Structure formats: structure tokens, C-alpha cells
Amino acid sequence: MEQELDVILFHRSRQGTTLTEAGQKTVLTAKGISEKYNDLKTELELLGQQQKSPIVGDLTLFIPIIQVQ
């Protein structure tokens, strides 16, 4: 990703690795995307369940009575 975007995401040293400002922004954005994906997944699962569940309710039919002579 660093090469593709031409940014440095990590400060690398012998003491370890830390995020650069760009790296911090990337992590925050990735977390947001992950949360949105999970929200969407939950919503779609609920829609899927609603589509599979039978229709429940009352149905009233009016049938005219015709007298035959």
C-alpha cells in the first residue's frame, strides 16, 4: 500500500515500528470501513430473514351471494 499510494505508513527502526500520521489516518479509516461493513452485513441479514419469513396477518374475503332462479 505504501508503494501504491507513495506514502510512508510506518516509522521503522531497530527499536520497533510505529505509525506515521498517514498510517494513523489509514488505521482510523480502515476501522470505519470495517464498522460500516459489519453494519451493512447485519442489515442485509435482517432483510434476508424478512424475505424468508412467511407473511403473517388477517385476510378478509367478501364473496357475493348470487341467487339462481
C-alpha atoms as a PDB file:
ATOM      1  CA  MET A   1       0.000   0.000   0.000  1.00  0.00           C
ATOM      2  CA  GLU A   2       2.868   2.346   0.719  1.00  0.00           C
ATOM      3  CA  GLN A   3       4.201   1.884  -2.790  1.00  0.00           C
ATOM      4  CA  GLU A   4       0.797   2.155  -4.416  1.00  0.00           C
ATOM      5  CA  LEU A   5      -0.044   5.403  -2.604  1.00  0.00           C
ATOM      6  CA  ASP A   6       3.527   6.681  -2.435  1.00  0.00           C
ATOM      7  CA  VAL A   7       3.316   7.393   1.313  1.00  0.00           C
ATOM      8  CA  ILE A   8       5.114   6.060   4.358  1.00  0.00           C
ATOM      9  CA  LEU A   9       2.726   4.384   6.783  1.00  0.00           C
ATOM     10  CA  PHE A  10       5.305   3.171   9.330  1.00  0.00           C
ATOM     11  CA  HIS A  11       8.378   4.574  11.014  1.00  0.00           C
ATOM     12  CA  ARG A  12      10.713   1.585  11.048  1.00  0.00           C
ATOM     13  CA  SER A  13      13.719   1.435  13.321  1.00  0.00           C
ATOM     14  CA  ARG A  14      15.731  -1.034  15.371  1.00  0.00           C
ATOM     15  CA  GLN A  15      13.593  -0.111  18.363  1.00  0.00           C
ATOM     16  CA  GLY A  16      10.393  -1.111  16.590  1.00  0.00           C
ATOM     17  CA  THR A  17       7.727   0.148  14.277  1.00  0.00           C
ATOM     18  CA  THR A  18       5.269   2.997  14.813  1.00  0.00           C
ATOM     19  CA  LEU A  19       2.615   4.546  12.628  1.00  0.00           C
ATOM     20  CA  THR A  20       3.217   7.754  10.755  1.00  0.00           C
ATOM     21  CA  GLU A  21       0.447  10.335  10.526  1.00  0.00           C
ATOM     22  CA  ALA A  22      -0.597   8.723   7.240  1.00  0.00           C
ATOM     23  CA  GLY A  23      -0.537   5.330   8.940  1.00  0.00           C
ATOM     24  CA  GLN A  24      -2.758   6.565  11.764  1.00  0.00           C
ATOM     25  CA  LYS A  25      -5.217   8.005   9.255  1.00  0.00           C
ATOM     26  CA  THR A  26      -5.201   4.703   7.365  1.00  0.00           C
ATOM     27  CA  VAL A  27      -5.942   2.706  10.522  1.00  0.00           C
ATOM     28  CA  LEU A  28      -8.811   5.018  11.530  1.00  0.00           C
ATOM     29  CA  THR A  29     -10.320   4.873   8.062  1.00  0.00           C
ATOM     30  CA  ALA A  30      -9.938   1.084   7.912  1.00  0.00           C
ATOM     31  CA  LYS A  31     -11.730   0.749  11.268  1.00  0.00           C
ATOM     32  CA  GLY A  32     -14.558   2.914   9.963  1.00  0.00           C
ATOM     33  CA  ILE A  33     -14.844   0.820   6.816  1.00  0.00           C
ATOM     34  CA  SER A  34     -14.884  -2.353   8.902  1.00  0.00           C
ATOM     35  CA  GLU A  35     -17.656  -0.982  11.141  1.00  0.00           C
ATOM     36  CA  LYS A  36     -19.719   0.108   8.115  1.00  0.00           C
ATOM     37  CA  TYR A  37     -19.259  -3.336   6.553  1.00  0.00           C
ATOM     38  CA  ASN A  38     -20.450  -5.031   9.755  1.00  0.00           C
ATOM     39  CA  ASP A  39     -23.463  -2.702   9.925  1.00  0.00           C
ATOM     40  CA  LEU A  40     -24.326  -3.458   6.297  1.00  0.00           C
ATOM     41  CA  LYS A  41     -23.902  -7.180   6.863  1.00  0.00           C
ATOM     42  CA  THR A  42     -26.298  -7.064   9.837  1.00  0.00           C
ATOM     43  CA  GLU A  43     -28.878  -5.077   7.865  1.00  0.00           C
ATOM     44  CA  LEU A  44     -28.692  -7.450   4.903  1.00  0.00           C
ATOM     45  CA  GLU A  45     -29.013 -10.491   7.160  1.00  0.00           C
ATOM     46  CA  LEU A  46     -32.180  -8.983   8.664  1.00  0.00           C
ATOM     47  CA  LEU A  47     -33.564  -8.269   5.196  1.00  0.00           C
ATOM     48  CA  GLY A  48     -32.782 -11.823   4.169  1.00  0.00           C
ATOM     49  CA  GLN A  49     -34.637 -13.184   7.187  1.00  0.00           C
ATOM     50  CA  GLN A  50     -37.642 -10.981   6.442  1.00  0.00           C
ATOM     51  CA  GLN A  51     -37.735 -12.207   2.860  1.00  0.00           C
ATOM     52  CA  LYS A  52     -37.685 -15.827   4.010  1.00  0.00           C
ATOM     53  CA  SER A  53     -40.309 -15.465   6.741  1.00  0.00           C
ATOM     54  CA  PRO A  54     -43.924 -16.161   5.839  1.00  0.00           C
ATOM     55  CA  ILE A  55     -46.385 -13.315   5.530  1.00  0.00           C
ATOM     56  CA  VAL A  56     -48.499 -13.158   8.660  1.00  0.00           C
ATOM     57  CA  GLY A  57     -51.779 -11.324   9.047  1.00  0.00           C
ATOM     58  CA  ASP A  58     -55.520 -11.453   8.528  1.00  0.00           C
ATOM     59  CA  LEU A  59     -57.200 -11.700   5.168  1.00  0.00           C
ATOM     60  CA  THR A  60     -60.879 -10.935   4.747  1.00  0.00           C
ATOM     61  CA  LEU A  61     -62.660 -12.010   1.587  1.00  0.00           C
ATOM     62  CA  PHE A  62     -66.059 -10.747   0.504  1.00  0.00           C
ATOM     63  CA  ILE A  63     -67.902 -13.234  -1.662  1.00  0.00           C
ATOM     64  CA  PRO A  64     -71.156 -12.034  -3.155  1.00  0.00           C
ATOM     65  CA  ILE A  65     -74.043 -14.470  -2.875  1.00  0.00           C
ATOM     66  CA  ILE A  66     -75.921 -14.875  -6.126  1.00  0.00           C
ATOM     67  CA  GLN A  67     -79.344 -16.455  -6.103  1.00  0.00           C
ATOM     68  CA  VAL A  68     -80.089 -18.583  -9.112  1.00  0.00           C
ATOM     69  CA  GLN A  69     -83.753 -18.795 -10.158  1.00  0.00           C
END
